[in-house]
Protein backbone atom coordinates (compact mmCIF):
# COMPACT_ATOMS: atom_id res chain seq x y z
CA MET A 1 50.79 100.71 76.65
CA MET A 2 54.48 101.70 76.97
CA ASN A 3 53.57 104.01 79.83
CA GLU A 4 52.03 101.15 81.81
CA PHE A 5 55.14 99.03 81.27
CA VAL A 6 57.47 101.76 82.51
CA LEU A 7 55.32 102.39 85.61
CA GLY A 8 55.14 98.66 86.23
CA LEU A 9 58.92 98.52 86.54
CA PHE A 10 58.92 100.85 89.52
CA LEU A 11 55.83 99.60 91.37
CA TYR A 12 56.25 96.46 93.37
CA PHE A 13 53.73 95.36 95.97
CA PRO A 14 54.89 92.12 97.58
CA GLU A 15 52.47 89.40 98.57
CA ASP A 16 54.40 88.79 101.80
CA LYS A 17 53.86 91.93 103.86
CA SER A 18 56.86 91.14 106.06
CA GLU A 19 59.01 92.59 103.29
CA TYR A 20 57.78 96.06 104.40
CA ILE A 21 59.42 95.71 107.83
CA PRO A 22 63.06 96.52 106.79
CA ALA A 23 61.82 99.50 104.78
CA ALA A 24 59.80 100.79 107.73
CA ILE A 25 62.75 100.37 110.06
CA SER A 26 65.15 102.23 107.79
CA CYS A 27 62.57 104.94 107.17
CA MET A 28 62.16 105.42 110.96
CA ILE A 29 65.95 105.56 111.45
CA PHE A 30 66.29 108.25 108.81
CA LEU A 31 63.33 110.24 110.22
CA ILE A 32 64.81 110.16 113.70
CA ALA A 33 68.25 111.15 112.37
CA ALA A 34 66.66 114.01 110.41
CA ALA A 35 64.87 115.29 113.54
CA PHE A 36 68.10 115.18 115.59
CA THR A 37 69.95 116.96 112.80
CA MET A 38 67.32 119.65 112.61
CA ARG A 39 67.45 120.18 116.40
CA PHE A 40 71.27 120.38 116.26
CA ILE A 41 71.15 122.97 113.47
CA ILE A 42 68.62 125.06 115.42
CA LYS A 43 70.83 124.97 118.54
CA VAL A 44 73.94 125.99 116.61
CA SER A 45 71.99 128.76 114.88
CA LYS A 46 70.75 130.15 118.16
CA ARG A 47 74.27 130.05 119.57
CA GLN A 48 75.64 131.91 116.54
CA GLU A 49 72.79 134.44 116.81
CA LYS A 50 73.77 135.15 120.43
CA VAL A 51 77.43 135.59 119.50
CA ALA A 52 76.50 137.91 116.59
CA LYS A 53 74.31 140.07 118.87
CA GLU A 54 77.09 140.38 121.40
CA LEU A 55 79.54 141.38 118.66
CA GLU A 56 77.03 143.87 117.28
CA GLN A 57 76.59 145.41 120.73
CA ARG A 58 80.36 145.70 121.21
CA ILE A 59 80.77 147.37 117.82
CA ASP A 60 77.87 149.69 118.54
CA ASN A 61 79.42 150.64 121.94
CA MET A 62 82.77 151.27 120.31
CA THR A 63 81.28 153.58 117.68
CA ARG A 64 79.33 155.53 120.33
CA ASP A 65 82.47 155.99 122.42
CA SER A 66 84.49 157.34 119.48
């Protein structure tokens, strides 16, 4: 019985379905922002990978020359 009461505090299904609209809009905004953030992180990671490979090649060339 106590378990049902606790779960009932967190579950709320409104009769007026228009109350879902703000939640859907904010969810979409955060999903779009997450996708852009992920793309940005991938771009930065690829750029850092390129710089690291160039540095590795320079170090490798320097050790071969020595």
